């Protein structure tokens, strides 16, 4: 009997490779989310420190230049924070798409592996059946030969 061959083996190999690539994309997307989160946290801390600095100067007379610099700095931080939050949302969406793609590929690979296992099991059972038939035929021939030999004597 022929050796086992799964007709979708090449497709299974391609899907496994795509699954590994999707895993890498998802991992990179997760790192991008973490970096974007860290940037948001950092900018929020900077804004908080600026606010605490202003709160500490309540009741103190600030010259126009100090006030203008503080307002300008807070605007810069606020705009940077908005940009960082937008990049975080985009990174999270990219991560979600990558996770969905990986999940889909994982399910496809598992389905193909299950199908491969089922085909292998059928092939194995057919192989056992053929082997058993061959053994039965061999046993029958030996028995017939013994019967013929016994009848001849």
N, C-alpha and C. Protein backbone atom coordinates (compact mmCIF):
# COMPACT_ATOMS: atom_id res chain seq x y z
N UNK A 1 0.85 -1.18 0.00
CA UNK A 1 0.00 0.00 0.00
C UNK A 1 0.89 1.24 0.00
N UNK A 2 0.40 2.27 -0.60
CA UNK A 2 1.16 3.51 -0.70
C UNK A 2 1.32 4.17 0.66
N UNK A 3 2.32 5.03 0.73
CA UNK A 3 2.50 5.79 1.97
C UNK A 3 1.42 6.87 2.07
N UNK A 4 1.21 7.36 3.27
CA UNK A 4 0.15 8.34 3.51
C UNK A 4 0.46 9.66 2.82
N UNK A 5 -0.53 10.19 2.11
CA UNK A 5 -0.42 11.51 1.49
C UNK A 5 -1.70 12.27 1.78
N UNK A 6 -1.53 13.51 2.24
CA UNK A 6 -2.66 14.39 2.52
C UNK A 6 -2.72 15.41 1.39
N UNK A 7 -3.81 15.44 0.67
CA UNK A 7 -3.90 16.29 -0.52
C UNK A 7 -3.80 17.78 -0.20
N UNK A 8 -4.12 18.17 1.03
CA UNK A 8 -4.08 19.58 1.41
C UNK A 8 -2.82 19.91 2.23
N UNK A 9 -1.81 19.06 2.14
CA UNK A 9 -0.59 19.26 2.94
C UNK A 9 0.08 20.60 2.64
N UNK A 10 0.17 20.94 1.37
CA UNK A 10 0.81 22.21 0.98
C UNK A 10 0.02 23.39 1.55
N UNK A 11 -1.29 23.32 1.45
CA UNK A 11 -2.12 24.39 2.01
C UNK A 11 -1.91 24.49 3.52
N UNK A 12 -1.83 23.37 4.19
CA UNK A 12 -1.59 23.36 5.63
C UNK A 12 -0.25 24.03 5.95
N UNK A 13 0.77 23.72 5.18
CA UNK A 13 2.08 24.33 5.42
C UNK A 13 2.03 25.84 5.21
N UNK A 14 1.34 26.27 4.16
CA UNK A 14 1.22 27.72 3.89
C UNK A 14 0.46 28.41 5.02
N UNK A 15 -0.62 27.79 5.46
CA UNK A 15 -1.42 28.38 6.55
C UNK A 15 -0.61 28.45 7.84
N UNK A 16 0.20 27.43 8.11
CA UNK A 16 1.06 27.47 9.30
C UNK A 16 2.05 28.62 9.22
N UNK A 17 2.62 28.81 8.04
CA UNK A 17 3.56 29.91 7.85
C UNK A 17 2.86 31.25 8.02
N UNK A 18 1.68 31.38 7.44
CA UNK A 18 0.91 32.62 7.60
C UNK A 18 0.55 32.85 9.06
N UNK A 19 0.25 31.78 9.78
CA UNK A 19 -0.07 31.90 11.20
C UNK A 19 1.14 32.42 11.98
N UNK A 20 2.33 31.90 11.68
CA UNK A 20 3.55 32.38 12.34
C UNK A 20 3.80 33.85 12.02
N UNK A 21 3.59 34.23 10.77
CA UNK A 21 3.77 35.63 10.39
C UNK A 21 2.74 36.53 11.09
N UNK A 22 1.52 36.05 11.18
CA UNK A 22 0.47 36.81 11.87
C UNK A 22 0.80 36.98 13.35
N UNK A 23 1.41 35.94 13.93
CA UNK A 23 1.83 36.02 15.33
C UNK A 23 2.89 37.11 15.50
N UNK A 24 3.82 37.18 14.56
CA UNK A 24 4.86 38.22 14.63
C UNK A 24 4.26 39.61 14.46
N UNK A 25 3.33 39.75 13.53
CA UNK A 25 2.67 41.05 13.33
C UNK A 25 1.91 41.44 14.59
N UNK A 26 1.23 40.48 15.19
CA UNK A 26 0.48 40.77 16.42
C UNK A 26 1.43 41.18 17.54
N UNK A 27 2.57 40.51 17.64
CA UNK A 27 3.54 40.83 18.68
C UNK A 27 4.08 42.26 18.49
N UNK A 28 4.39 42.61 17.23
CA UNK A 28 4.88 43.97 16.96
C UNK A 28 3.79 45.00 17.23
N UNK A 29 2.56 44.67 16.89
CA UNK A 29 1.44 45.58 17.15
C UNK A 29 1.26 45.78 18.66
N UNK A 30 1.44 44.71 19.42
CA UNK A 30 1.32 44.82 20.87
C UNK A 30 2.41 45.73 21.44
N UNK A 31 3.62 45.60 20.91
CA UNK A 31 4.71 46.49 21.34
C UNK A 31 4.41 47.94 20.99
N UNK A 32 3.82 48.17 19.82
CA UNK A 32 3.46 49.53 19.43
C UNK A 32 2.41 50.10 20.38
N UNK A 33 1.46 49.28 20.79
CA UNK A 33 0.44 49.72 21.76
C UNK A 33 1.11 50.08 23.08
N UNK A 34 2.02 49.24 23.54
CA UNK A 34 2.69 49.51 24.80
C UNK A 34 3.52 50.78 24.74
N UNK A 35 4.20 51.01 23.61
CA UNK A 35 4.98 52.24 23.45
C UNK A 35 4.06 53.46 23.44
N UNK A 36 2.94 53.36 22.73
CA UNK A 36 1.99 54.48 22.68
C UNK A 36 1.39 54.75 24.06
N UNK A 37 1.11 53.69 24.81
CA UNK A 37 0.59 53.87 26.17
C UNK A 37 1.62 54.56 27.05
N UNK A 38 2.86 54.16 26.92
CA UNK A 38 3.93 54.78 27.71
C UNK A 38 4.07 56.25 27.37
N UNK A 39 3.95 56.57 26.09
CA UNK A 39 4.05 57.98 25.68
C UNK A 39 2.88 58.78 26.25
N UNK A 40 1.69 58.24 26.23
CA UNK A 40 0.52 58.93 26.80
C UNK A 40 0.72 59.16 28.29
N UNK A 41 1.18 58.14 28.99
CA UNK A 41 1.42 58.27 30.43
C UNK A 41 2.46 59.35 30.71
N UNK A 42 3.53 59.35 29.93
CA UNK A 42 4.60 60.33 30.12
C UNK A 42 4.08 61.75 29.90
N UNK A 43 3.33 61.95 28.85
CA UNK A 43 2.79 63.30 28.58
C UNK A 43 1.79 63.73 29.65
N UNK A 44 0.98 62.80 30.12
CA UNK A 44 0.05 63.14 31.21
C UNK A 44 0.80 63.54 32.47
N UNK A 45 1.89 62.83 32.74
CA UNK A 45 2.71 63.18 33.91
C UNK A 45 3.33 64.55 33.75
N UNK A 46 3.79 64.86 32.55
CA UNK A 46 4.38 66.18 32.32
C UNK A 46 3.34 67.27 32.49
N UNK A 47 2.13 67.03 31.97
CA UNK A 47 1.05 68.01 32.17
C UNK A 47 0.69 68.15 33.64
N UNK A 48 0.68 67.03 34.35
CA UNK A 48 0.38 67.08 35.78
C UNK A 48 1.45 67.87 36.54
N UNK A 49 2.71 67.63 36.22
CA UNK A 49 3.79 68.38 36.87
C UNK A 49 3.69 69.88 36.58
N UNK A 50 3.34 70.21 35.34
CA UNK A 50 3.16 71.62 34.99
C UNK A 50 2.00 72.22 35.78
N UNK A 51 0.94 71.45 35.92
CA UNK A 51 -0.20 71.93 36.71
C UNK A 51 0.17 72.11 38.17
N UNK A 52 0.93 71.18 38.70
CA UNK A 52 1.38 71.30 40.10
C UNK A 52 2.30 72.50 40.27
N UNK A 53 3.14 72.73 39.27
CA UNK A 53 4.04 73.88 39.32
C UNK A 53 3.22 75.18 39.32
N UNK A 54 2.19 75.24 38.49
CA UNK A 54 1.33 76.43 38.46
C UNK A 54 0.57 76.57 39.77
N UNK A 55 0.11 75.46 40.31
CA UNK A 55 -0.62 75.51 41.58
C UNK A 55 0.29 76.02 42.69
N UNK A 56 1.55 75.68 42.61
CA UNK A 56 2.51 76.16 43.62
C UNK A 56 2.79 77.64 43.51
N UNK A 57 2.49 78.20 42.35
CA UNK A 57 2.75 79.62 42.14
C UNK A 57 1.51 80.48 42.33
N UNK A 58 0.43 79.87 42.80
CA UNK A 58 -0.80 80.62 43.05
C UNK A 58 -0.50 81.65 44.15
N UNK A 59 -0.93 82.84 43.88
CA UNK A 59 -0.69 83.93 44.83
C UNK A 59 0.61 84.65 44.58
N UNK A 60 1.44 84.10 43.72
CA UNK A 60 2.71 84.75 43.38
C UNK A 60 2.51 85.55 42.10
N UNK A 61 3.23 86.58 42.00
CA UNK A 61 3.15 87.44 40.84
C UNK A 61 4.06 86.88 39.74
N UNK A 62 3.47 86.59 38.60
CA UNK A 62 4.22 86.09 37.45
C UNK A 62 4.35 87.20 36.43
N UNK A 63 5.53 87.34 35.85
CA UNK A 63 5.64 88.35 34.80
C UNK A 63 5.01 87.79 33.52
N UNK A 64 4.80 88.59 32.58
CA UNK A 64 4.11 88.22 31.34
C UNK A 64 4.84 87.13 30.57
N UNK A 65 6.16 87.19 30.59
CA UNK A 65 6.94 86.19 29.86
C UNK A 65 6.78 84.81 30.47
N UNK A 66 6.84 84.74 31.83
CA UNK A 66 6.66 83.46 32.51
C UNK A 66 5.28 82.89 32.22
N UNK A 67 4.28 83.72 32.29
CA UNK A 67 2.91 83.29 32.04
C UNK A 67 2.76 82.80 30.60
N UNK A 68 3.28 83.52 29.64
CA UNK A 68 3.18 83.15 28.23
C UNK A 68 3.91 81.83 27.96
N UNK A 69 5.07 81.66 28.60
CA UNK A 69 5.83 80.43 28.43
C UNK A 69 5.07 79.24 29.00
N UNK A 70 4.48 79.42 30.17
CA UNK A 70 3.73 78.34 30.81
C UNK A 70 2.50 77.96 29.98
N UNK A 71 1.78 78.95 29.49
CA UNK A 71 0.60 78.69 28.66
C UNK A 71 1.02 77.99 27.36
N UNK A 72 2.10 78.46 26.76
CA UNK A 72 2.58 77.85 25.52
C UNK A 72 3.01 76.40 25.76
N UNK A 73 3.70 76.17 26.87
CA UNK A 73 4.14 74.82 27.20
C UNK A 73 2.96 73.89 27.45
N UNK A 74 1.95 74.41 28.14
CA UNK A 74 0.77 73.57 28.40
C UNK A 74 0.04 73.25 27.09
N UNK A 75 0.00 74.19 26.15
CA UNK A 75 -0.60 73.94 24.84
C UNK A 75 0.19 72.87 24.08
N UNK A 76 1.50 72.97 24.15
CA UNK A 76 2.34 71.99 23.46
C UNK A 76 2.11 70.59 24.03
N UNK A 77 2.09 70.49 25.36
CA UNK A 77 1.84 69.20 26.00
C UNK A 77 0.44 68.67 25.65
N UNK A 78 -0.55 69.55 25.66
CA UNK A 78 -1.92 69.13 25.36
C UNK A 78 -2.03 68.62 23.93
N UNK A 79 -1.41 69.30 22.98
CA UNK A 79 -1.45 68.86 21.59
C UNK A 79 -0.68 67.54 21.42
N UNK A 80 0.45 67.46 22.08
CA UNK A 80 1.23 66.21 22.01
C UNK A 80 0.43 65.06 22.62
N UNK A 81 -0.28 65.32 23.70
CA UNK A 81 -1.10 64.29 24.34
C UNK A 81 -2.22 63.85 23.40
N UNK A 82 -2.85 64.80 22.74
CA UNK A 82 -3.91 64.43 21.79
C UNK A 82 -3.35 63.55 20.67
N UNK A 83 -2.20 63.94 20.16
CA UNK A 83 -1.57 63.14 19.10
C UNK A 83 -1.21 61.75 19.60
N UNK A 84 -0.68 61.68 20.81
CA UNK A 84 -0.29 60.39 21.38
C UNK A 84 -1.52 59.51 21.62
N UNK A 85 -2.61 60.11 22.08
CA UNK A 85 -3.84 59.35 22.29
C UNK A 85 -4.41 58.85 20.96
N UNK A 86 -4.28 59.65 19.91
CA UNK A 86 -4.74 59.22 18.59
C UNK A 86 -3.88 58.06 18.09
N UNK A 87 -2.56 58.17 18.26
CA UNK A 87 -1.67 57.09 17.85
C UNK A 87 -1.94 55.82 18.67
N UNK A 88 -2.27 56.00 19.95
CA UNK A 88 -2.61 54.85 20.79
C UNK A 88 -3.87 54.16 20.27
N UNK A 89 -4.89 54.94 19.93
CA UNK A 89 -6.13 54.35 19.41
C UNK A 89 -5.86 53.61 18.09
N UNK A 90 -5.04 54.21 17.23
CA UNK A 90 -4.70 53.55 15.97
C UNK A 90 -3.90 52.27 16.22
N UNK A 91 -2.97 52.33 17.15
CA UNK A 91 -2.16 51.14 17.48
C UNK A 91 -3.04 50.04 18.05
N UNK A 92 -4.00 50.40 18.89
CA UNK A 92 -4.90 49.40 19.46
C UNK A 92 -5.78 48.77 18.38
N UNK A 93 -6.23 49.60 17.43
CA UNK A 93 -7.05 49.07 16.33
C UNK A 93 -6.21 48.12 15.47
N UNK A 94 -4.99 48.51 15.19
CA UNK A 94 -4.09 47.65 14.41
C UNK A 94 -3.86 46.33 15.15
N UNK A 95 -3.68 46.40 16.45
CA UNK A 95 -3.49 45.19 17.26
C UNK A 95 -4.73 44.30 17.19
N UNK A 96 -5.90 44.90 17.28
CA UNK A 96 -7.14 44.11 17.23
C UNK A 96 -7.29 43.42 15.87
N UNK A 97 -6.96 44.14 14.79
CA UNK A 97 -7.02 43.52 13.45
C UNK A 97 -6.03 42.36 13.36
N UNK A 98 -4.83 42.58 13.89
CA UNK A 98 -3.81 41.52 13.86
C UNK A 98 -4.25 40.32 14.68
N UNK A 99 -4.87 40.58 15.81
CA UNK A 99 -5.35 39.48 16.67
C UNK A 99 -6.47 38.70 15.98
N UNK A 100 -7.36 39.41 15.32
CA UNK A 100 -8.45 38.72 14.60
C UNK A 100 -7.90 37.87 13.45
N UNK A 101 -6.93 38.41 12.72
CA UNK A 101 -6.33 37.65 11.62
C UNK A 101 -5.62 36.41 12.15
N UNK A 102 -4.88 36.58 13.23
CA UNK A 102 -4.17 35.43 13.79
C UNK A 102 -5.17 34.37 14.27
N UNK A 103 -6.23 34.80 14.92
CA UNK A 103 -7.25 33.86 15.38
C UNK A 103 -7.86 33.10 14.21
N UNK A 104 -8.17 33.81 13.13
CA UNK A 104 -8.74 33.17 11.95
C UNK A 104 -7.77 32.14 11.39
N UNK A 105 -6.50 32.52 11.26
CA UNK A 105 -5.51 31.58 10.72
C UNK A 105 -5.30 30.39 11.65
N UNK A 106 -5.32 30.63 12.94
CA UNK A 106 -5.18 29.54 13.91
C UNK A 106 -6.33 28.55 13.76
N UNK A 107 -7.53 29.06 13.60
CA UNK A 107 -8.69 28.19 13.42
C UNK A 107 -8.59 27.40 12.11
N UNK A 108 -8.12 28.05 11.06
CA UNK A 108 -7.96 27.36 9.78
C UNK A 108 -6.91 26.25 9.89
N UNK A 109 -5.80 26.55 10.56
CA UNK A 109 -4.75 25.55 10.73
C UNK A 109 -5.28 24.38 11.55
N UNK A 110 -6.00 24.67 12.62
CA UNK A 110 -6.55 23.59 13.45
C UNK A 110 -7.53 22.74 12.66
N UNK A 111 -8.35 23.38 11.83
CA UNK A 111 -9.31 22.62 11.01
C UNK A 111 -8.56 21.72 10.03
N UNK A 112 -7.53 22.26 9.39
CA UNK A 112 -6.75 21.45 8.45
C UNK A 112 -6.02 20.32 9.16
N UNK A 113 -5.51 20.58 10.35
CA UNK A 113 -4.82 19.53 11.10
C UNK A 113 -5.81 18.42 11.51
N UNK A 114 -7.00 18.82 11.89
CA UNK A 114 -8.03 17.83 12.24
C UNK A 114 -8.39 16.99 11.01
N UNK A 115 -8.55 17.68 9.89
CA UNK A 115 -8.86 16.97 8.64
C UNK A 115 -7.72 16.03 8.27
N UNK A 116 -6.49 16.48 8.43
CA UNK A 116 -5.32 15.64 8.13
C UNK A 116 -5.31 14.41 9.03
N UNK A 117 -5.59 14.62 10.32
CA UNK A 117 -5.61 13.50 11.26
C UNK A 117 -6.71 12.49 10.88
N UNK A 118 -7.87 13.00 10.50
CA UNK A 118 -8.96 12.11 10.09
C UNK A 118 -8.56 11.30 8.86
N UNK A 119 -7.93 11.95 7.89
CA UNK A 119 -7.48 11.23 6.69
C UNK A 119 -6.41 10.21 7.04
N UNK A 120 -5.52 10.58 7.92
CA UNK A 120 -4.48 9.63 8.33
C UNK A 120 -5.11 8.43 9.03
N UNK A 121 -6.08 8.69 9.88
CA UNK A 121 -6.75 7.59 10.60
C UNK A 121 -7.46 6.66 9.62
N UNK A 122 -8.13 7.21 8.61
CA UNK A 122 -8.77 6.38 7.58
C UNK A 122 -7.72 5.57 6.81
N UNK A 123 -6.62 6.21 6.45
CA UNK A 123 -5.55 5.53 5.74
C UNK A 123 -4.99 4.39 6.59
N UNK A 124 -4.78 4.68 7.88
CA UNK A 124 -4.24 3.66 8.79
C UNK A 124 -5.19 2.48 8.90
N UNK A 125 -6.49 2.74 9.02
CA UNK A 125 -7.47 1.66 9.10
C UNK A 125 -7.51 0.84 7.82
N UNK A 126 -7.44 1.52 6.67
CA UNK A 126 -7.41 0.80 5.40
C UNK A 126 -6.15 -0.06 5.31
N UNK A 127 -5.05 0.49 5.77
CA UNK A 127 -3.79 -0.25 5.74
C UNK A 127 -3.89 -1.50 6.62
N UNK A 128 -4.46 -1.35 7.80
CA UNK A 128 -4.64 -2.50 8.69
C UNK A 128 -5.56 -3.55 8.06
N UNK A 129 -6.60 -3.08 7.38
CA UNK A 129 -7.54 -4.00 6.73
C UNK A 129 -6.83 -4.78 5.62
N UNK A 130 -6.04 -4.09 4.81
CA UNK A 130 -5.30 -4.75 3.73
C UNK A 130 -4.31 -5.74 4.33
N UNK A 131 -3.60 -5.33 5.38
CA UNK A 131 -2.64 -6.24 6.02
C UNK A 131 -3.35 -7.47 6.59
N UNK A 132 -4.51 -7.26 7.21
CA UNK A 132 -5.26 -8.38 7.77
C UNK A 132 -5.74 -9.32 6.68
N UNK A 133 -6.23 -8.76 5.57
CA UNK A 133 -6.67 -9.59 4.44
C UNK A 133 -5.51 -10.41 3.90
N UNK A 134 -4.34 -9.80 3.83
CA UNK A 134 -3.15 -10.50 3.32
C UNK A 134 -2.78 -11.63 4.28
N UNK A 135 -2.83 -11.36 5.58
CA UNK A 135 -2.52 -12.40 6.57
C UNK A 135 -3.56 -13.53 6.51
N UNK A 136 -4.84 -13.15 6.36
CA UNK A 136 -5.89 -14.16 6.26
C UNK A 136 -5.67 -15.03 5.03
N UNK A 137 -5.33 -14.41 3.90
CA UNK A 137 -5.09 -15.15 2.66
C UNK A 137 -3.89 -16.08 2.83
N UNK A 138 -2.84 -15.59 3.45
CA UNK A 138 -1.65 -16.41 3.69
C UNK A 138 -2.00 -17.58 4.60
N UNK A 139 -2.76 -17.33 5.65
CA UNK A 139 -3.17 -18.40 6.57
C UNK A 139 -4.04 -19.43 5.86
N UNK A 140 -4.96 -18.97 5.01
CA UNK A 140 -5.83 -19.87 4.27
C UNK A 140 -5.02 -20.74 3.32
N UNK A 141 -4.06 -20.14 2.63
CA UNK A 141 -3.22 -20.92 1.70
C UNK A 141 -2.41 -21.98 2.45
N UNK A 142 -1.87 -21.62 3.59
CA UNK A 142 -1.12 -22.60 4.39
C UNK A 142 -2.03 -23.75 4.83
N UNK A 143 -3.21 -23.38 5.27
CA UNK A 143 -4.16 -24.40 5.72
C UNK A 143 -4.52 -25.32 4.57
N UNK A 144 -4.81 -24.71 3.41
CA UNK A 144 -5.16 -25.53 2.24
C UNK A 144 -3.99 -26.43 1.83
N UNK A 145 -2.79 -25.88 1.92
CA UNK A 145 -1.60 -26.68 1.56
C UNK A 145 -1.46 -27.83 2.54
N UNK A 146 -1.69 -27.58 3.81
CA UNK A 146 -1.61 -28.66 4.82
C UNK A 146 -2.69 -29.70 4.58
N UNK A 147 -3.90 -29.25 4.21
CA UNK A 147 -4.99 -30.17 3.93
C UNK A 147 -4.67 -31.02 2.71
N UNK A 148 -4.13 -30.40 1.70
CA UNK A 148 -3.79 -31.14 0.48
C UNK A 148 -2.67 -32.14 0.76
N UNK A 149 -1.72 -31.76 1.58
CA UNK A 149 -0.62 -32.64 1.93
C UNK A 149 -1.14 -33.80 2.78
N UNK A 150 -2.04 -33.54 3.68
CA UNK A 150 -2.61 -34.59 4.53
C UNK A 150 -3.45 -35.55 3.70
N UNK A 151 -4.14 -35.04 2.70
CA UNK A 151 -4.98 -35.89 1.86
C UNK A 151 -4.11 -36.75 0.94
N UNK A 152 -2.95 -36.21 0.57
CA UNK A 152 -2.05 -36.96 -0.31
C UNK A 152 -1.35 -38.07 0.43
N UNK A 153 -1.24 -38.03 1.69
CA UNK A 153 -0.53 -39.08 2.44
C UNK A 153 -1.41 -40.14 2.96
